[in-house]
Amino acid sequence: MRQIVLDTETTGLEPEKGHRVVEIGGVEVIDRKLTGQHFHSYLNPEREVDDAAYEIHGLSDKFLSSQPLFKEIASDFLSYIEDAELIIHNAPFDVAFLDFELARLKNKVTVSDRCSVVDSLALARHKHPGQKNNLDALCRRYGVDNSARDLHGALLDAEILADVYLLMTGGQTVLFGDANDEPGASVSREFLRIDRKNGQKLSVIKASDEEAQLHESYLDALDEYAEDGALWRHLQD
């Protein structure tokens, strides 16, 4: 599975009032391994940054005025997220801003046209109800080093969130493991995708009986390891 842990910084809180994206940062994770393939760009928002937003990320109007426009990086960004699963903390906020930027290009493309989205904040609230679940609180809870986070930064926050997400969803960096790992080696899952370019369904690959049994054994092990049990089983309830 290819996942992109993503974050943005903006000029303010409301895209419908003309606020814009000023930074995008993404970290690629494939089969729960950080690949080192990042996406990062500062952006010229063509407007002033609100004082409150500047206090959060420290990106000044002068600095941003020399950065590329969103339309100049849009193609590379869309290619980067194509067919991935986006992991975003408070996803509705970031997706609304990105869709607003895409709408300005008048190409009728939205984030959901290119990939699926998982809200890690909603996931954290489900796992830790009644507790603080912002990124700093999750770093403390899972022992993730965020000492470099004096100000918010899209790429830094994406890197931190990637560590938090992997720990929050099982504690291991590889979900299924290599062929020699125990438990749960060589596990596959039923897979169905829509090819967005031509609208055709791709082939369905179903797990064999042996693979399904290994998968269940792996989930049994996660039940023992994880505080709230195997997340996949909760999602299937």
C-alpha atoms as a PDB file:
ATOM      1  CA  MET A   1       0.000   0.000   0.000  1.00  0.00           C
ATOM      2  CA  ARG A   2       1.269   3.455  -0.911  1.00  0.00           C
ATOM      3  CA  GLN A   3       0.412   6.173   1.597  1.00  0.00           C
ATOM      4  CA  ILE A   4       1.289   9.857   1.664  1.00  0.00           C
ATOM      5  CA  VAL A   5       1.368  11.588   5.035  1.00  0.00           C
ATOM      6  CA  LEU A   6       0.521  15.193   4.204  1.00  0.00           C
ATOM      7  CA  ASP A   7       0.331  18.604   5.835  1.00  0.00           C
ATOM      8  CA  THR A   8      -0.235  22.170   4.695  1.00  0.00           C
ATOM      9  CA  GLU A   9       0.267  25.653   6.080  1.00  0.00           C
ATOM     10  CA  THR A  10      -2.044  28.505   5.081  1.00  0.00           C
ATOM     11  CA  THR A  11      -2.572  32.257   5.266  1.00  0.00           C
ATOM     12  CA  GLY A  12      -5.616  31.838   7.511  1.00  0.00           C
ATOM     13  CA  LEU A  13      -8.459  29.535   8.389  1.00  0.00           C
ATOM     14  CA  GLU A  14     -11.110  29.924   5.692  1.00  0.00           C
ATOM     15  CA  PRO A  15     -10.469  29.247   2.002  1.00  0.00           C
ATOM     16  CA  GLU A  16     -13.936  30.533   1.118  1.00  0.00           C
ATOM     17  CA  LYS A  17     -12.764  33.948   2.350  1.00  0.00           C
ATOM     18  CA  GLY A  18      -9.779  33.890   0.035  1.00  0.00           C
ATOM     19  CA  HIS A  19      -7.163  32.337   2.273  1.00  0.00           C
ATOM     20  CA  ARG A  20      -4.522  30.319   0.466  1.00  0.00           C
ATOM     21  CA  VAL A  21      -1.998  27.517   0.914  1.00  0.00           C
ATOM     22  CA  VAL A  22       1.573  28.686   1.594  1.00  0.00           C
ATOM     23  CA  GLU A  23       3.329  25.347   2.142  1.00  0.00           C
ATOM     24  CA  ILE A  24       2.746  21.679   1.270  1.00  0.00           C
ATOM     25  CA  GLY A  25       4.754  18.819   2.712  1.00  0.00           C
ATOM     26  CA  GLY A  26       4.330  15.123   2.028  1.00  0.00           C
ATOM     27  CA  VAL A  27       6.121  11.957   3.169  1.00  0.00           C
ATOM     28  CA  GLU A  28       5.787   8.683   1.265  1.00  0.00           C
ATOM     29  CA  VAL A  29       5.138   5.415   3.096  1.00  0.00           C
ATOM     30  CA  ILE A  30       4.972   2.125   1.206  1.00  0.00           C
ATOM     31  CA  ASP A  31       3.976  -1.034   3.077  1.00  0.00           C
ATOM     32  CA  ARG A  32       4.545   0.883   6.320  1.00  0.00           C
ATOM     33  CA  LYS A  33       8.114   1.779   5.385  1.00  0.00           C
ATOM     34  CA  LEU A  34       9.258   5.392   5.030  1.00  0.00           C
ATOM     35  CA  THR A  35      10.784   5.570   1.555  1.00  0.00           C
ATOM     36  CA  GLY A  36      12.498   8.959   1.810  1.00  0.00           C
ATOM     37  CA  GLN A  37      10.531  10.218  -1.201  1.00  0.00           C
ATOM     38  CA  HIS A  38       9.183  13.560  -0.019  1.00  0.00           C
ATOM     39  CA  PHE A  39       7.213  16.356  -1.656  1.00  0.00           C
ATOM     40  CA  HIS A  40       7.782  19.872  -0.395  1.00  0.00           C
ATOM     41  CA  SER A  41       7.046  23.343  -1.701  1.00  0.00           C
ATOM     42  CA  TYR A  42       6.515  26.820  -0.319  1.00  0.00           C
ATOM     43  CA  LEU A  43       3.945  28.820  -2.279  1.00  0.00           C
ATOM     44  CA  ASN A  44       3.244  32.427  -3.115  1.00  0.00           C
ATOM     45  CA  PRO A  45      -0.361  32.957  -1.925  1.00  0.00           C
ATOM     46  CA  GLU A  46      -0.748  36.263  -3.777  1.00  0.00           C
ATOM     47  CA  ARG A  47      -2.127  37.814  -0.609  1.00  0.00           C
ATOM     48  CA  GLU A  48      -1.000  38.728   2.894  1.00  0.00           C
ATOM     49  CA  VAL A  49      -0.626  36.184   5.680  1.00  0.00           C
ATOM     50  CA  ASP A  50      -2.863  36.777   8.700  1.00  0.00           C
ATOM     51  CA  ASP A  51      -0.989  37.704  11.866  1.00  0.00           C
ATOM     52  CA  ALA A  52      -2.385  34.662  13.693  1.00  0.00           C
ATOM     53  CA  ALA A  53      -1.209  32.335  10.925  1.00  0.00           C
ATOM     54  CA  TYR A  54       2.248  33.928  10.884  1.00  0.00           C
ATOM     55  CA  GLU A  55       2.568  33.265  14.613  1.00  0.00           C
ATOM     56  CA  ILE A  56       1.949  29.577  13.901  1.00  0.00           C
ATOM     57  CA  HIS A  57       4.280  28.953  10.946  1.00  0.00           C
ATOM     58  CA  GLY A  58       6.533  32.041  10.733  1.00  0.00           C
ATOM     59  CA  LEU A  59       6.306  32.326   6.930  1.00  0.00           C
ATOM     60  CA  SER A  60       6.480  36.010   6.057  1.00  0.00           C
ATOM     61  CA  ASP A  61       4.915  37.842   3.133  1.00  0.00           C
ATOM     62  CA  LYS A  62       8.395  38.840   1.916  1.00  0.00           C
ATOM     63  CA  PHE A  63       9.665  35.254   1.909  1.00  0.00           C
ATOM     64  CA  LEU A  64       6.541  33.870   0.245  1.00  0.00           C
ATOM     65  CA  SER A  65       6.480  36.521  -2.483  1.00  0.00           C
ATOM     66  CA  SER A  66       9.474  34.846  -4.177  1.00  0.00           C
ATOM     67  CA  GLN A  67       8.009  31.328  -4.064  1.00  0.00           C
ATOM     68  CA  PRO A  68       6.212  29.549  -6.946  1.00  0.00           C
ATOM     69  CA  LEU A  69       2.476  29.857  -7.509  1.00  0.00           C
ATOM     70  CA  PHE A  70       0.311  26.819  -6.842  1.00  0.00           C
ATOM     71  CA  LYS A  71      -0.421  26.455 -10.551  1.00  0.00           C
ATOM     72  CA  GLU A  72       3.308  25.987 -11.166  1.00  0.00           C
ATOM     73  CA  ILE A  73       3.598  22.978  -8.859  1.00  0.00           C
ATOM     74  CA  ALA A  74       0.067  21.556  -9.252  1.00  0.00           C
ATOM     75  CA  SER A  75       0.991  18.926 -11.835  1.00  0.00           C
ATOM     76  CA  ASP A  76       3.894  17.587  -9.766  1.00  0.00           C
ATOM     77  CA  PHE A  77       1.741  17.571  -6.642  1.00  0.00           C
ATOM     78  CA  LEU A  78      -1.109  15.679  -8.293  1.00  0.00           C
ATOM     79  CA  SER A  79       1.321  13.138  -9.721  1.00  0.00           C
ATOM     80  CA  TYR A  80       2.814  12.639  -6.259  1.00  0.00           C
ATOM     81  CA  ILE A  81      -0.523  11.851  -4.592  1.00  0.00           C
ATOM     82  CA  GLU A  82      -1.970   9.868  -7.509  1.00  0.00           C
ATOM     83  CA  ASP A  83      -3.672   6.646  -6.334  1.00  0.00           C
ATOM     84  CA  ALA A  84      -2.214   6.976  -2.830  1.00  0.00           C
ATOM     85  CA  GLU A  85      -3.981   6.975   0.513  1.00  0.00           C
ATOM     86  CA  LEU A  86      -3.485  10.395   2.092  1.00  0.00           C
ATOM     87  CA  ILE A  87      -2.985  10.511   5.866  1.00  0.00           C
ATOM     88  CA  ILE A  88      -3.827  14.003   7.144  1.00  0.00           C
ATOM     89  CA  HIS A  89      -4.396  15.263  10.684  1.00  0.00           C
ATOM     90  CA  ASN A  90      -7.724  17.126  10.628  1.00  0.00           C
ATOM     91  CA  ALA A  91      -8.103  16.194   6.970  1.00  0.00           C
ATOM     92  CA  PRO A  92     -11.214  18.287   6.180  1.00  0.00           C
ATOM     93  CA  PHE A  93      -9.210  21.478   6.797  1.00  0.00           C
ATOM     94  CA  ASP A  94      -6.290  20.631   4.484  1.00  0.00           C
ATOM     95  CA  VAL A  95      -8.444  19.012   1.795  1.00  0.00           C
ATOM     96  CA  ALA A  96     -10.746  22.060   1.663  1.00  0.00           C
ATOM     97  CA  PHE A  97      -7.742  24.306   1.038  1.00  0.00           C
ATOM     98  CA  LEU A  98      -6.233  22.012  -1.576  1.00  0.00           C
ATOM     99  CA  ASP A  99      -9.553  21.669  -3.384  1.00  0.00           C
ATOM    100  CA  PHE A 100      -9.895  25.450  -3.321  1.00  0.00           C
ATOM    101  CA  GLU A 101      -6.465  25.792  -4.940  1.00  0.00           C
ATOM    102  CA  LEU A 102      -7.333  23.183  -7.549  1.00  0.00           C
ATOM    103  CA  ALA A 103     -10.653  24.892  -8.283  1.00  0.00           C
ATOM    104  CA  ARG A 104      -8.780  28.105  -9.094  1.00  0.00           C
ATOM    105  CA  LEU A 105      -7.083  26.223 -11.931  1.00  0.00           C
ATOM    106  CA  LYS A 106     -10.504  25.542 -13.462  1.00  0.00           C
ATOM    107  CA  ASN A 107      -9.636  21.939 -14.296  1.00  0.00           C
ATOM    108  CA  LYS A 108     -12.422  20.443 -12.150  1.00  0.00           C
ATOM    109  CA  VAL A 109     -10.016  18.128 -10.307  1.00  0.00           C
ATOM    110  CA  THR A 110     -10.377  17.476  -6.573  1.00  0.00           C
ATOM    111  CA  VAL A 111      -8.164  15.624  -4.131  1.00  0.00           C
ATOM    112  CA  SER A 112     -10.688  12.783  -3.889  1.00  0.00           C
ATOM    113  CA  ASP A 113     -10.504  12.358  -7.681  1.00  0.00           C
ATOM    114  CA  ARG A 114      -6.880  11.347  -7.325  1.00  0.00           C
ATOM    115  CA  CYS A 115      -6.674   9.469  -4.026  1.00  0.00           C
ATOM    116  CA  SER A 116      -8.416   8.410  -0.841  1.00  0.00           C
ATOM    117  CA  VAL A 117      -8.052  10.292   2.451  1.00  0.00           C
ATOM    118  CA  VAL A 118      -7.732   9.095   6.065  1.00  0.00           C
ATOM    119  CA  ASP A 119      -8.214  11.610   8.875  1.00  0.00           C
ATOM    120  CA  SER A 120      -5.657  10.684  11.532  1.00  0.00           C
ATOM    121  CA  LEU A 121      -7.323  13.075  13.998  1.00  0.00           C
ATOM    122  CA  ALA A 122     -10.610  11.154  13.753  1.00  0.00           C
ATOM    123  CA  LEU A 123      -8.643   7.934  14.149  1.00  0.00           C
ATOM    124  CA  ALA A 124      -6.891   9.285  17.262  1.00  0.00           C
ATOM    125  CA  ARG A 125     -10.184  10.444  18.775  1.00  0.00           C
ATOM    126  CA  HIS A 126     -11.625   6.965  18.246  1.00  0.00           C
ATOM    127  CA  LYS A 127      -8.598   5.338  19.840  1.00  0.00           C
ATOM    128  CA  HIS A 128      -8.213   7.879  22.679  1.00  0.00           C
ATOM    129  CA  PRO A 129     -11.674   9.288  23.426  1.00  0.00           C
ATOM    130  CA  GLY A 130     -11.845  12.223  25.818  1.00  0.00           C
ATOM    131  CA  GLN A 131      -8.112  12.979  25.526  1.00  0.00           C
ATOM    132  CA  LYS A 132      -6.137  15.640  23.696  1.00  0.00           C
ATOM    133  CA  ASN A 133      -5.335  14.367  20.239  1.00  0.00           C
ATOM    134  CA  ASN A 134      -3.449  17.206  18.587  1.00  0.00           C
ATOM    135  CA  LEU A 135      -0.062  16.323  17.123  1.00  0.00           C
ATOM    136  CA  ASP A 136       1.945  17.484  20.145  1.00  0.00           C
ATOM    137  CA  ALA A 137      -0.243  15.443  22.517  1.00  0.00           C
ATOM    138  CA  LEU A 138       0.126  12.356  20.327  1.00  0.00           C
ATOM    139  CA  CYS A 139       3.891  12.816  20.230  1.00  0.00           C
ATOM    140  CA  ARG A 140       3.967  12.770  24.027  1.00  0.00           C
ATOM    141  CA  ARG A 141       1.671   9.744  24.146  1.00  0.00           C
ATOM    142  CA  TYR A 142       3.683   7.693  21.669  1.00  0.00           C
ATOM    143  CA  GLY A 143       7.154   8.957  22.566  1.00  0.00           C
ATOM    144  CA  VAL A 144       7.814  10.682  19.227  1.00  0.00           C
ATOM    145  CA  ASP A 145      10.498  13.379  19.302  1.00  0.00           C
ATOM    146  CA  ASN A 146       9.013  16.731  18.290  1.00  0.00           C
ATOM    147  CA  SER A 147      11.697  18.916  19.860  1.00  0.00           C
ATOM    148  CA  ALA A 148      12.410  20.584  16.507  1.00  0.00           C
ATOM    149  CA  ARG A 149       8.817  21.784  16.245  1.00  0.00           C
ATOM    150  CA  ASP A 150       9.210  25.358  17.537  1.00  0.00           C
ATOM    151  CA  LEU A 151       6.964  26.511  14.675  1.00  0.00           C
ATOM    152  CA  HIS A 152       4.616  24.527  12.482  1.00  0.00           C
ATOM    153  CA  GLY A 153       6.100  23.445   9.152  1.00  0.00           C
ATOM    154  CA  ALA A 154       4.325  21.291   6.601  1.00  0.00           C
ATOM    155  CA  LEU A 155       7.174  18.882   5.858  1.00  0.00           C
ATOM    156  CA  LEU A 156       8.348  18.615   9.480  1.00  0.00           C
ATOM    157  CA  ASP A 157       4.779  18.030  10.678  1.00  0.00           C
ATOM    158  CA  ALA A 158       4.234  15.411   7.978  1.00  0.00           C
ATOM    159  CA  GLU A 159       7.398  13.578   9.074  1.00  0.00           C
ATOM    160  CA  ILE A 160       6.302  13.670  12.720  1.00  0.00           C
ATOM    161  CA  LEU A 161       2.767  12.573  11.848  1.00  0.00           C
ATOM    162  CA  ALA A 162       4.150   9.644   9.855  1.00  0.00           C
ATOM    163  CA  ASP A 163       5.929   8.360  12.978  1.00  0.00           C
ATOM    164  CA  VAL A 164       2.835   8.919  15.125  1.00  0.00           C
ATOM    165  CA  TYR A 165       0.507   7.253  12.613  1.00  0.00           C
ATOM    166  CA  LEU A 166       2.667   4.137  12.285  1.00  0.00           C
ATOM    167  CA  LEU A 167       2.814   3.772  16.062  1.00  0.00           C
ATOM    168  CA  MET A 168      -0.873   4.558  16.541  1.00  0.00           C
ATOM    169  CA  THR A 169      -1.936   1.945  14.008  1.00  0.00           C
ATOM    170  CA  GLY A 170       0.092  -0.943  15.309  1.00  0.00           C
ATOM    171  CA  GLY A 171       3.528   0.049  16.492  1.00  0.00           C
ATOM    172  CA  GLN A 172       5.416  -1.668  13.699  1.00  0.00           C
ATOM    173  CA  THR A 173       6.933  -0.054  10.607  1.00  0.00           C
ATOM    174  CA  VAL A 174       5.982  -2.933   8.294  1.00  0.00           C
ATOM    175  CA  LEU A 175       2.408  -4.159   8.477  1.00  0.00           C
ATOM    176  CA  PHE A 176       2.857  -7.593   6.922  1.00  0.00           C
ATOM    177  CA  GLY A 177       6.612  -8.105   7.241  1.00  0.00           C
ATOM    178  CA  ASP A 178       9.070  -9.822   4.973  1.00  0.00           C
ATOM    179  CA  ALA A 179       8.720 -13.424   3.933  1.00  0.00           C
ATOM    180  CA  ASN A 180      10.723 -14.606   6.959  1.00  0.00           C
ATOM    181  CA  ASP A 181       8.950 -12.432   9.557  1.00  0.00           C
ATOM    182  CA  GLU A 182       6.636 -13.884  12.190  1.00  0.00           C
ATOM    183  CA  PRO A 183       3.769 -13.729  12.603  1.00  0.00           C
ATOM    184  CA  GLY A 184       1.913 -13.154   9.353  1.00  0.00           C
ATOM    185  CA  ALA A 185       4.442 -13.574   6.572  1.00  0.00           C
ATOM    186  CA  SER A 186       3.365 -13.240   2.928  1.00  0.00           C
ATOM    187  CA  VAL A 187      -0.079 -11.878   3.749  1.00  0.00           C
ATOM    188  CA  SER A 188      -2.086 -10.405   0.883  1.00  0.00           C
ATOM    189  CA  ARG A 189      -5.568  -8.875   0.833  1.00  0.00           C
ATOM    190  CA  GLU A 190      -8.432  -8.570  -1.594  1.00  0.00           C
ATOM    191  CA  PHE A 191      -7.656  -5.635  -3.840  1.00  0.00           C
ATOM    192  CA  LEU A 192      -9.975  -3.700  -6.129  1.00  0.00           C
ATOM    193  CA  ARG A 193      -9.210  -0.385  -7.776  1.00  0.00           C
ATOM    194  CA  ILE A 194     -10.764   1.790 -10.418  1.00  0.00           C
ATOM    195  CA  ASP A 195      -8.419   3.005 -13.112  1.00  0.00           C
ATOM    196  CA  ARG A 196      -9.363   6.708 -13.140  1.00  0.00           C
ATOM    197  CA  LYS A 197      -7.848   7.283 -16.563  1.00  0.00           C
ATOM    198  CA  ASN A 198     -10.174   4.931 -18.443  1.00  0.00           C
ATOM    199  CA  GLY A 199     -12.806   3.994 -15.850  1.00  0.00           C
ATOM    200  CA  GLN A 200     -12.047   0.284 -16.094  1.00  0.00           C
ATOM    201  CA  LYS A 201     -11.955  -2.027 -13.098  1.00  0.00           C
ATOM    202  CA  LEU A 202      -8.610  -3.681 -12.579  1.00  0.00           C
ATOM    203  CA  SER A 203      -8.280  -7.328 -11.696  1.00  0.00           C
ATOM    204  CA  VAL A 204      -9.367  -8.544  -8.268  1.00  0.00           C
ATOM    205  CA  ILE A 205      -6.692 -10.483  -6.389  1.00  0.00           C
ATOM    206  CA  LYS A 206      -8.092 -12.569  -3.553  1.00  0.00           C
ATOM    207  CA  ALA A 207      -6.124 -14.057  -0.692  1.00  0.00           C
ATOM    208  CA  SER A 208      -5.648 -17.820  -0.716  1.00  0.00           C
ATOM    209  CA  ASP A 209      -6.913 -19.879   2.232  1.00  0.00           C
ATOM    210  CA  GLU A 210      -3.339 -20.126   3.517  1.00  0.00           C
ATOM    211  CA  GLU A 211      -2.830 -16.372   3.236  1.00  0.00           C
ATOM    212  CA  ALA A 212      -6.154 -15.677   4.970  1.00  0.00           C
ATOM    213  CA  GLN A 213      -5.134 -17.949   7.834  1.00  0.00           C
ATOM    214  CA  LEU A 214      -1.772 -16.170   8.139  1.00  0.00           C
ATOM    215  CA  HIS A 215      -3.604 -12.834   8.135  1.00  0.00           C
ATOM    216  CA  GLU A 216      -5.824 -13.947  11.025  1.00  0.00           C
ATOM    217  CA  SER A 217      -2.762 -15.171  12.920  1.00  0.00           C
ATOM    218  CA  TYR A 218      -1.144 -11.779  12.432  1.00  0.00           C
ATOM    219  CA  LEU A 219      -4.234  -9.997  13.762  1.00  0.00           C
ATOM    220  CA  ASP A 220      -4.236 -12.348  16.764  1.00  0.00           C
ATOM    221  CA  ALA A 221      -0.678 -11.235  17.485  1.00  0.00           C
ATOM    222  CA  LEU A 222      -1.673  -7.577  17.184  1.00  0.00           C
ATOM    223  CA  ASP A 223      -4.521  -8.190  19.633  1.00  0.00           C
ATOM    224  CA  GLU A 224      -1.913  -9.257  22.153  1.00  0.00           C
ATOM    225  CA  TYR A 225       0.491  -6.410  21.354  1.00  0.00           C
ATOM    226  CA  ALA A 226      -1.730  -3.353  20.869  1.00  0.00           C
ATOM    227  CA  GLU A 227      -3.550  -1.714  23.763  1.00  0.00           C
ATOM    228  CA  ASP A 228      -6.900  -1.643  21.956  1.00  0.00           C
ATOM    229  CA  GLY A 229      -6.364  -4.717  19.840  1.00  0.00           C
ATOM    230  CA  ALA A 230      -5.939  -4.974  16.075  1.00  0.00           C
ATOM    231  CA  LEU A 231      -7.278  -1.840  14.402  1.00  0.00           C
ATOM    232  CA  TRP A 232      -8.394  -3.767  11.312  1.00  0.00           C
ATOM    233  CA  ARG A 233     -10.803  -5.795  13.393  1.00  0.00           C
ATOM    234  CA  HIS A 234     -12.298  -2.616  14.888  1.00  0.00           C
ATOM    235  CA  LEU A 235     -12.796  -1.224  11.379  1.00  0.00           C
ATOM    236  CA  GLN A 236     -14.558  -4.412  10.323  1.00  0.00           C
ATOM    237  CA  ASP A 237     -17.019  -4.301  13.255  1.00  0.00           C
END
